[in-house]
Amino acid sequence: MKKLIAILAVTISVTACNNGSTESAAAATDTAAATAAAAVDTASKMVSAATDSASKMVSAATDSASKMVNKAADSATKMVDKAAEKAKK
């Protein structure tokens, strides 16, 4: 009878330990999956923000270059006009 009680006690403790570790493993898996999903989401947001920033910088540089080219063209036109006036005199 003592052996039977000892076997039952060992069986119950092993079963309790196995069930607890299964739940902990499942919880750990869920936590790891949630953490991985959050990391992917954060990385995606960072890449999107960097792309937007780069796009804005390129647009600003393009606008600035366009303004400079237009100024240079205007200046060249004025200089040609002045030279033409001097040549007429």
PDB file of N, CA and C in Angstrom:
ATOM      1  N   MET A   1       0.814  -1.182   0.000  1.00  0.00           N
ATOM      2  CA  MET A   1       0.000   0.000   0.000  1.00  0.00           C
ATOM      3  C   MET A   1       0.865   1.255   0.000  1.00  0.00           C
ATOM      4  N   LYS A   2       1.965   1.213   0.775  1.00  0.00           N
ATOM      5  CA  LYS A   2       2.870   2.351   0.823  1.00  0.00           C
ATOM      6  C   LYS A   2       3.502   2.599  -0.545  1.00  0.00           C
ATOM      7  N   LYS A   3       3.825   1.492  -1.229  1.00  0.00           N
ATOM      8  CA  LYS A   3       4.423   1.637  -2.554  1.00  0.00           C
ATOM      9  C   LYS A   3       3.427   2.278  -3.530  1.00  0.00           C
ATOM     10  N   LEU A   4       2.165   1.885  -3.433  1.00  0.00           N
ATOM     11  CA  LEU A   4       1.134   2.430  -4.289  1.00  0.00           C
ATOM     12  C   LEU A   4       0.961   3.925  -4.050  1.00  0.00           C
ATOM     13  N   ILE A   5       0.964   4.326  -2.790  1.00  0.00           N
ATOM     14  CA  ILE A   5       0.833   5.748  -2.452  1.00  0.00           C
ATOM     15  C   ILE A   5       2.070   6.510  -2.953  1.00  0.00           C
ATOM     16  N   ALA A   6       3.248   5.935  -2.817  1.00  0.00           N
ATOM     17  CA  ALA A   6       4.468   6.583  -3.288  1.00  0.00           C
ATOM     18  C   ALA A   6       4.436   6.726  -4.809  1.00  0.00           C
ATOM     19  N   ILE A   7       3.998   5.690  -5.509  1.00  0.00           N
ATOM     20  CA  ILE A   7       3.906   5.750  -6.970  1.00  0.00           C
ATOM     21  C   ILE A   7       2.888   6.811  -7.396  1.00  0.00           C
ATOM     22  N   LEU A   8       1.749   6.864  -6.723  1.00  0.00           N
ATOM     23  CA  LEU A   8       0.743   7.875  -7.033  1.00  0.00           C
ATOM     24  C   LEU A   8       1.276   9.290  -6.765  1.00  0.00           C
ATOM     25  N   ALA A   9       1.998   9.465  -5.675  1.00  0.00           N
ATOM     26  CA  ALA A   9       2.556  10.777  -5.351  1.00  0.00           C
ATOM     27  C   ALA A   9       3.555  11.224  -6.418  1.00  0.00           C
ATOM     28  N   VAL A  10       4.415  10.294  -6.826  1.00  0.00           N
ATOM     29  CA  VAL A  10       5.395  10.620  -7.875  1.00  0.00           C
ATOM     30  C   VAL A  10       4.677  10.919  -9.190  1.00  0.00           C
ATOM     31  N   THR A  11       3.675  10.124  -9.525  1.00  0.00           N
ATOM     32  CA  THR A  11       2.923  10.325 -10.764  1.00  0.00           C
ATOM     33  C   THR A  11       2.202  11.678 -10.759  1.00  0.00           C
ATOM     34  N   ILE A  12       1.585  12.003  -9.634  1.00  0.00           N
ATOM     35  CA  ILE A  12       0.871  13.280  -9.528  1.00  0.00           C
ATOM     36  C   ILE A  12       1.849  14.452  -9.648  1.00  0.00           C
ATOM     37  N   SER A  13       2.987  14.364  -8.997  1.00  0.00           N
ATOM     38  CA  SER A  13       3.946  15.473  -9.073  1.00  0.00           C
ATOM     39  C   SER A  13       4.533  15.612 -10.482  1.00  0.00           C
ATOM     40  N   VAL A  14       4.803  14.485 -11.146  1.00  0.00           N
ATOM     41  CA  VAL A  14       5.328  14.537 -12.509  1.00  0.00           C
ATOM     42  C   VAL A  14       4.270  15.110 -13.451  1.00  0.00           C
ATOM     43  N   THR A  15       3.026  14.692 -13.278  1.00  0.00           N
ATOM     44  CA  THR A  15       1.940  15.207 -14.114  1.00  0.00           C
ATOM     45  C   THR A  15       1.749  16.698 -13.884  1.00  0.00           C
ATOM     46  N   ALA A  16       1.801  17.109 -12.642  1.00  0.00           N
ATOM     47  CA  ALA A  16       1.646  18.535 -12.322  1.00  0.00           C
ATOM     48  C   ALA A  16       2.797  19.342 -12.924  1.00  0.00           C
ATOM     49  N   CYS A  17       4.001  18.831 -12.853  1.00  0.00           N
ATOM     50  CA  CYS A  17       5.154  19.542 -13.425  1.00  0.00           C
ATOM     51  C   CYS A  17       5.057  19.618 -14.944  1.00  0.00           C
ATOM     52  N   ASN A  18       4.639  18.529 -15.570  1.00  0.00           N
ATOM     53  CA  ASN A  18       4.510  18.526 -17.026  1.00  0.00           C
ATOM     54  C   ASN A  18       3.421  19.479 -17.497  1.00  0.00           C
ATOM     55  N   ASN A  19       2.287  19.510 -16.814  1.00  0.00           N
ATOM     56  CA  ASN A  19       1.207  20.405 -17.208  1.00  0.00           C
ATOM     57  C   ASN A  19       1.615  21.862 -17.021  1.00  0.00           C
ATOM     58  N   GLY A  20       2.294  22.138 -15.948  1.00  0.00           N
ATOM     59  CA  GLY A  20       2.734  23.510 -15.703  1.00  0.00           C
ATOM     60  C   GLY A  20       3.744  23.972 -16.730  1.00  0.00           C
ATOM     61  N   SER A  21       4.667  23.107 -17.102  1.00  0.00           N
ATOM     62  CA  SER A  21       5.676  23.500 -18.084  1.00  0.00           C
ATOM     63  C   SER A  21       5.072  23.637 -19.475  1.00  0.00           C
ATOM     64  N   THR A  22       4.036  22.864 -19.766  1.00  0.00           N
ATOM     65  CA  THR A  22       3.374  22.994 -21.056  1.00  0.00           C
ATOM     66  C   THR A  22       2.704  24.347 -21.169  1.00  0.00           C
ATOM     67  N   GLU A  23       2.017  24.749 -20.098  1.00  0.00           N
ATOM     68  CA  GLU A  23       1.366  26.057 -20.115  1.00  0.00           C
ATOM     69  C   GLU A  23       2.410  27.170 -20.175  1.00  0.00           C
ATOM     70  N   SER A  24       3.492  27.025 -19.453  1.00  0.00           N
ATOM     71  CA  SER A  24       4.539  28.040 -19.473  1.00  0.00           C
ATOM     72  C   SER A  24       5.194  28.111 -20.849  1.00  0.00           C
ATOM     73  N   ALA A  25       5.390  26.964 -21.472  1.00  0.00           N
ATOM     74  CA  ALA A  25       5.989  26.947 -22.800  1.00  0.00           C
ATOM     75  C   ALA A  25       5.053  27.611 -23.804  1.00  0.00           C
ATOM     76  N   ALA A  26       3.765  27.337 -23.674  1.00  0.00           N
ATOM     77  CA  ALA A  26       2.797  27.961 -24.580  1.00  0.00           C
ATOM     78  C   ALA A  26       2.763  29.468 -24.345  1.00  0.00           C
ATOM     79  N   ALA A  27       2.808  29.873 -23.093  1.00  0.00           N
ATOM     80  CA  ALA A  27       2.812  31.301 -22.787  1.00  0.00           C
ATOM     81  C   ALA A  27       4.095  31.947 -23.289  1.00  0.00           C
ATOM     82  N   ALA A  28       5.198  31.251 -23.121  1.00  0.00           N
ATOM     83  CA  ALA A  28       6.472  31.778 -23.619  1.00  0.00           C
ATOM     84  C   ALA A  28       6.461  31.884 -25.140  1.00  0.00           C
ATOM     85  N   THR A  29       5.861  30.897 -25.796  1.00  0.00           N
ATOM     86  CA  THR A  29       5.758  30.936 -27.257  1.00  0.00           C
ATOM     87  C   THR A  29       4.899  32.105 -27.699  1.00  0.00           C
ATOM     88  N   ASP A  30       3.769  32.306 -27.010  1.00  0.00           N
ATOM     89  CA  ASP A  30       2.894  33.435 -27.338  1.00  0.00           C
ATOM     90  C   ASP A  30       3.607  34.757 -27.116  1.00  0.00           C
ATOM     91  N   THR A  31       4.339  34.860 -26.012  1.00  0.00           N
ATOM     92  CA  THR A  31       5.065  36.083 -25.711  1.00  0.00           C
ATOM     93  C   THR A  31       6.156  36.336 -26.752  1.00  0.00           C
ATOM     94  N   ALA A  32       6.870  35.288 -27.130  1.00  0.00           N
ATOM     95  CA  ALA A  32       7.921  35.428 -28.139  1.00  0.00           C
ATOM     96  C   ALA A  32       7.324  35.839 -29.482  1.00  0.00           C
ATOM     97  N   ALA A  33       6.195  35.253 -29.836  1.00  0.00           N
ATOM     98  CA  ALA A  33       5.544  35.603 -31.105  1.00  0.00           C
ATOM     99  C   ALA A  33       5.074  37.051 -31.075  1.00  0.00           C
ATOM    100  N   ALA A  34       4.512  37.479 -29.964  1.00  0.00           N
ATOM    101  CA  ALA A  34       4.052  38.867 -29.849  1.00  0.00           C
ATOM    102  C   ALA A  34       5.235  39.831 -29.902  1.00  0.00           C
ATOM    103  N   THR A  35       6.320  39.471 -29.257  1.00  0.00           N
ATOM    104  CA  THR A  35       7.513  40.321 -29.274  1.00  0.00           C
ATOM    105  C   THR A  35       8.091  40.409 -30.685  1.00  0.00           C
ATOM    106  N   ALA A  36       8.129  39.278 -31.381  1.00  0.00           N
ATOM    107  CA  ALA A  36       8.644  39.269 -32.746  1.00  0.00           C
ATOM    108  C   ALA A  36       7.753  40.103 -33.662  1.00  0.00           C
ATOM    109  N   ALA A  37       6.448  39.987 -33.495  1.00  0.00           N
ATOM    110  CA  ALA A  37       5.520  40.773 -34.315  1.00  0.00           C
ATOM    111  C   ALA A  37       5.683  42.260 -34.035  1.00  0.00           C
ATOM    112  N   ALA A  38       5.862  42.613 -32.775  1.00  0.00           N
ATOM    113  CA  ALA A  38       6.064  44.020 -32.422  1.00  0.00           C
ATOM    114  C   ALA A  38       7.375  44.540 -33.008  1.00  0.00           C
ATOM    115  N   ALA A  39       8.407  43.719 -32.992  1.00  0.00           N
ATOM    116  CA  ALA A  39       9.694  44.134 -33.552  1.00  0.00           C
ATOM    117  C   ALA A  39       9.588  44.345 -35.059  1.00  0.00           C
ATOM    118  N   VAL A  40       8.882  43.459 -35.734  1.00  0.00           N
ATOM    119  CA  VAL A  40       8.696  43.604 -37.185  1.00  0.00           C
ATOM    120  C   VAL A  40       7.894  44.869 -37.475  1.00  0.00           C
ATOM    121  N   ASP A  41       6.854  45.117 -36.681  1.00  0.00           N
ATOM    122  CA  ASP A  41       6.028  46.305 -36.875  1.00  0.00           C
ATOM    123  C   ASP A  41       6.848  47.574 -36.652  1.00  0.00           C
ATOM    124  N   THR A  42       7.659  47.580 -35.605  1.00  0.00           N
ATOM    125  CA  THR A  42       8.501  48.734 -35.315  1.00  0.00           C
ATOM    126  C   THR A  42       9.515  48.959 -36.429  1.00  0.00           C
ATOM    127  N   ALA A  43      10.132  47.888 -36.910  1.00  0.00           N
ATOM    128  CA  ALA A  43      11.101  48.007 -37.998  1.00  0.00           C
ATOM    129  C   ALA A  43      10.434  48.526 -39.260  1.00  0.00           C
ATOM    130  N   SER A  44       9.234  48.048 -39.525  1.00  0.00           N
ATOM    131  CA  SER A  44       8.493  48.510 -40.704  1.00  0.00           C
ATOM    132  C   SER A  44       8.191  49.997 -40.602  1.00  0.00           C
ATOM    133  N   LYS A  45       7.793  50.446 -39.420  1.00  0.00           N
ATOM    134  CA  LYS A  45       7.509  51.869 -39.223  1.00  0.00           C
ATOM    135  C   LYS A  45       8.770  52.706 -39.374  1.00  0.00           C
ATOM    136  N   MET A  46       9.892  52.198 -38.885  1.00  0.00           N
ATOM    137  CA  MET A  46      11.154  52.940 -38.993  1.00  0.00           C
ATOM    138  C   MET A  46      11.579  53.056 -40.452  1.00  0.00           C
ATOM    139  N   VAL A  47      11.441  51.988 -41.217  1.00  0.00           N
ATOM    140  CA  VAL A  47      11.806  52.018 -42.631  1.00  0.00           C
ATOM    141  C   VAL A  47      10.891  52.982 -43.382  1.00  0.00           C
ATOM    142  N   SER A  48       9.616  52.947 -43.051  1.00  0.00           N
ATOM    143  CA  SER A  48       8.665  53.855 -43.705  1.00  0.00           C
ATOM    144  C   SER A  48       8.999  55.301 -43.399  1.00  0.00           C
ATOM    145  N   ALA A  49       9.321  55.584 -42.139  1.00  0.00           N
ATOM    146  CA  ALA A  49       9.682  56.948 -41.750  1.00  0.00           C
ATOM    147  C   ALA A  49      10.968  57.393 -42.440  1.00  0.00           C
ATOM    148  N   ALA A  50      11.941  56.499 -42.540  1.00  0.00           N
ATOM    149  CA  ALA A  50      13.199  56.833 -43.207  1.00  0.00           C
ATOM    150  C   ALA A  50      12.969  57.087 -44.694  1.00  0.00           C
ATOM    151  N   THR A  51      12.106  56.301 -45.301  1.00  0.00           N
ATOM    152  CA  THR A  51      11.784  56.493 -46.715  1.00  0.00           C
ATOM    153  C   THR A  51      11.099  57.835 -46.929  1.00  0.00           C
ATOM    154  N   ASP A  52      10.167  58.164 -46.044  1.00  0.00           N
ATOM    155  CA  ASP A  52       9.486  59.456 -46.150  1.00  0.00           C
ATOM    156  C   ASP A  52      10.473  60.606 -45.982  1.00  0.00           C
ATOM    157  N   SER A  53      11.362  60.491 -45.012  1.00  0.00           N
ATOM    158  CA  SER A  53      12.360  61.545 -44.784  1.00  0.00           C
ATOM    159  C   SER A  53      13.278  61.685 -45.991  1.00  0.00           C
ATOM    160  N   ALA A  54      13.721  60.573 -46.535  1.00  0.00           N
ATOM    161  CA  ALA A  54      14.601  60.619 -47.704  1.00  0.00           C
ATOM    162  C   ALA A  54      13.876  61.238 -48.895  1.00  0.00           C
ATOM    163  N   SER A  55      12.618  60.886 -49.061  1.00  0.00           N
ATOM    164  CA  SER A  55      11.833  61.440 -50.158  1.00  0.00           C
ATOM    165  C   SER A  55      11.691  62.951 -50.014  1.00  0.00           C
ATOM    166  N   LYS A  56      11.441  63.414 -48.802  1.00  0.00           N
ATOM    167  CA  LYS A  56      11.318  64.851 -48.554  1.00  0.00           C
ATOM    168  C   LYS A  56      12.641  65.562 -48.813  1.00  0.00           C
ATOM    169  N   MET A  57      13.748  64.940 -48.410  1.00  0.00           N
ATOM    170  CA  MET A  57      15.061  65.549 -48.634  1.00  0.00           C
ATOM    171  C   MET A  57      15.362  65.649 -50.127  1.00  0.00           C
ATOM    172  N   VAL A  58      15.044  64.615 -50.888  1.00  0.00           N
ATOM    173  CA  VAL A  58      15.290  64.632 -52.325  1.00  0.00           C
ATOM    174  C   VAL A  58      14.406  65.687 -52.988  1.00  0.00           C
ATOM    175  N   SER A  59      13.159  65.763 -52.541  1.00  0.00           N
ATOM    176  CA  SER A  59      12.265  66.774 -53.117  1.00  0.00           C
ATOM    177  C   SER A  59      12.778  68.177 -52.831  1.00  0.00           C
ATOM    178  N   ALA A  60      13.237  68.410 -51.613  1.00  0.00           N
ATOM    179  CA  ALA A  60      13.770  69.727 -51.256  1.00  0.00           C
ATOM    180  C   ALA A  60      15.014  70.045 -52.082  1.00  0.00           C
ATOM    181  N   ALA A  61      15.890  69.065 -52.246  1.00  0.00           N
ATOM    182  CA  ALA A  61      17.108  69.282 -53.040  1.00  0.00           C
ATOM    183  C   ALA A  61      16.758  69.555 -54.502  1.00  0.00           C
ATOM    184  N   THR A  62      15.773  68.842 -55.027  1.00  0.00           N
ATOM    185  CA  THR A  62      15.337  69.049 -56.414  1.00  0.00           C
ATOM    186  C   THR A  62      14.756  70.442 -56.590  1.00  0.00           C
ATOM    187  N   ASP A  63      13.920  70.862 -55.635  1.00  0.00           N
ATOM    188  CA  ASP A  63      13.341  72.204 -55.708  1.00  0.00           C
ATOM    189  C   ASP A  63      14.429  73.267 -55.652  1.00  0.00           C
ATOM    190  N   SER A  64      15.370  73.087 -54.755  1.00  0.00           N
ATOM    191  CA  SER A  64      16.464  74.049 -54.609  1.00  0.00           C
ATOM    192  C   SER A  64      17.306  74.118 -55.881  1.00  0.00           C
ATOM    193  N   ALA A  65      17.628  72.982 -56.447  1.00  0.00           N
ATOM    194  CA  ALA A  65      18.417  72.948 -57.683  1.00  0.00           C
ATOM    195  C   ALA A  65      17.644  73.596 -58.827  1.00  0.00           C
ATOM    196  N   SER A  66      16.356  73.332 -58.884  1.00  0.00           N
ATOM    197  CA  SER A  66      15.525  73.920 -59.934  1.00  0.00           C
ATOM    198  C   SER A  66      15.511  75.442 -59.822  1.00  0.00           C
ATOM    199  N   LYS A  67      15.399  75.956 -58.617  1.00  0.00           N
ATOM    200  CA  LYS A  67      15.419  77.411 -58.399  1.00  0.00           C
ATOM    201  C   LYS A  67      16.762  77.995 -58.818  1.00  0.00           C
ATOM    202  N   MET A  68      17.834  77.312 -58.498  1.00  0.00           N
ATOM    203  CA  MET A  68      19.164  77.807 -58.863  1.00  0.00           C
ATOM    204  C   MET A  68      19.336  77.831 -60.386  1.00  0.00           C
ATOM    205  N   VAL A  69      18.860  76.800 -61.069  1.00  0.00           N
ATOM    206  CA  VAL A  69      18.966  76.750 -62.531  1.00  0.00           C
ATOM    207  C   VAL A  69      18.134  77.870 -63.147  1.00  0.00           C
ATOM    208  N   ASN A  70      16.947  78.089 -62.616  1.00  0.00           N
ATOM    209  CA  ASN A  70      16.097  79.165 -63.136  1.00  0.00           C
ATOM    210  C   ASN A  70      16.752  80.531 -62.942  1.00  0.00           C
ATOM    211  N   LYS A  71      17.380  80.754 -61.770  1.00  0.00           N
ATOM    212  CA  LYS A  71      18.083  82.014 -61.519  1.00  0.00           C
ATOM    213  C   LYS A  71      19.240  82.196 -62.499  1.00  0.00           C
ATOM    214  N   ALA A  72      19.986  81.131 -62.714  1.00  0.00           N
ATOM    215  CA  ALA A  72      21.113  81.203 -63.638  1.00  0.00           C
ATOM    216  C   ALA A  72      20.632  81.492 -65.058  1.00  0.00           C
ATOM    217  N   ALA A  73      19.528  80.878 -65.459  1.00  0.00           N
ATOM    218  CA  ALA A  73      18.978  81.116 -66.795  1.00  0.00           C
ATOM    219  C   ALA A  73      18.508  82.562 -66.926  1.00  0.00           C
ATOM    220  N   ASP A  74      17.874  83.079 -65.877  1.00  0.00           N
ATOM    221  CA  ASP A  74      17.424  84.478 -65.902  1.00  0.00           C
ATOM    222  C   ASP A  74      18.617  85.430 -65.993  1.00  0.00           C
ATOM    223  N   SER A  75      19.633  85.153 -65.219  1.00  0.00           N
ATOM    224  CA  SER A  75      20.836  85.994 -65.249  1.00  0.00           C
ATOM    225  C   SER A  75      21.494  85.947 -66.621  1.00  0.00           C
ATOM    226  N   ALA A  76      21.573  84.777 -67.211  1.00  0.00           N
ATOM    227  CA  ALA A  76      22.180  84.645 -68.541  1.00  0.00           C
ATOM    228  C   ALA A  76      21.358  85.402 -69.574  1.00  0.00           C
ATOM    229  N   THR A  77      20.049  85.320 -69.469  1.00  0.00           N
ATOM    230  CA  THR A  77      19.180  86.038 -70.403  1.00  0.00           C
ATOM    231  C   THR A  77      19.389  87.545 -70.282  1.00  0.00           C
ATOM    232  N   LYS A  78      19.482  88.020 -69.033  1.00  0.00           N
ATOM    233  CA  LYS A  78      19.711  89.455 -68.811  1.00  0.00           C
ATOM    234  C   LYS A  78      21.063  89.881 -69.388  1.00  0.00           C
ATOM    235  N   MET A  79      22.073  89.075 -69.191  1.00  0.00           N
ATOM    236  CA  MET A  79      23.399  89.405 -69.699  1.00  0.00           C
ATOM    237  C   MET A  79      23.406  89.431 -71.228  1.00  0.00           C
ATOM    238  N   VAL A  80      22.724  88.501 -71.862  1.00  0.00           N
ATOM    239  CA  VAL A  80      22.650  88.459 -73.324  1.00  0.00           C
ATOM    240  C   VAL A  80      21.903  89.695 -73.833  1.00  0.00           C
ATOM    241  N   ASP A  81      20.819  90.055 -73.140  1.00  0.00           N
ATOM    242  CA  ASP A  81      20.066  91.242 -73.538  1.00  0.00           C
ATOM    243  C   ASP A  81      20.926  92.507 -73.436  1.00  0.00           C
ATOM    244  N   LYS A  82      21.686  92.616 -72.340  1.00  0.00           N
ATOM    245  CA  LYS A  82      22.569  93.786 -72.173  1.00  0.00           C
ATOM    246  C   LYS A  82      23.642  93.821 -73.256  1.00  0.00           C
ATOM    247  N   ALA A  83      24.196  92.676 -73.581  1.00  0.00           N
ATOM    248  CA  ALA A  83      25.228  92.600 -74.614  1.00  0.00           C
ATOM    249  C   ALA A  83      24.634  92.991 -75.983  1.00  0.00           C
ATOM    250  N   ALA A  84      23.392  92.558 -76.222  1.00  0.00           N
ATOM    251  CA  ALA A  84      22.744  92.903 -77.489  1.00  0.00           C
ATOM    252  C   ALA A  84      22.491  94.405 -77.562  1.00  0.00           C
ATOM    253  N   GLU A  85      22.109  95.029 -76.475  1.00  0.00           N
ATOM    254  CA  GLU A  85      21.878  96.479 -76.447  1.00  0.00           C
ATOM    255  C   GLU A  85      23.178  97.232 -76.707  1.00  0.00           C
ATOM    256  N   LYS A  86      24.265  96.765 -76.092  1.00  0.00           N
ATOM    257  CA  LYS A  86      25.580  97.428 -76.293  1.00  0.00           C
ATOM    258  C   LYS A  86      26.033  97.272 -77.753  1.00  0.00           C
ATOM    259  N   ALA A  87      25.730  96.119 -78.331  1.00  0.00           N
ATOM    260  CA  ALA A  87      26.140  95.896 -79.721  1.00  0.00           C
ATOM    261  C   ALA A  87      25.357  96.789 -80.668  1.00  0.00           C
ATOM    262  N   LYS A  88      24.118  97.116 -80.321  1.00  0.00           N
ATOM    263  CA  LYS A  88      23.298  97.987 -81.174  1.00  0.00           C
ATOM    264  C   LYS A  88      23.828  99.418 -81.160  1.00  0.00           C
ATOM    265  N   LYS A  89      24.444  99.870 -80.074  1.00  0.00           N
ATOM    266  CA  LYS A  89      24.909 101.253 -79.922  1.00  0.00           C
ATOM    267  C   LYS A  89      26.163 101.420 -80.645  1.00  0.00           C
TER     268      LYS A  89
END
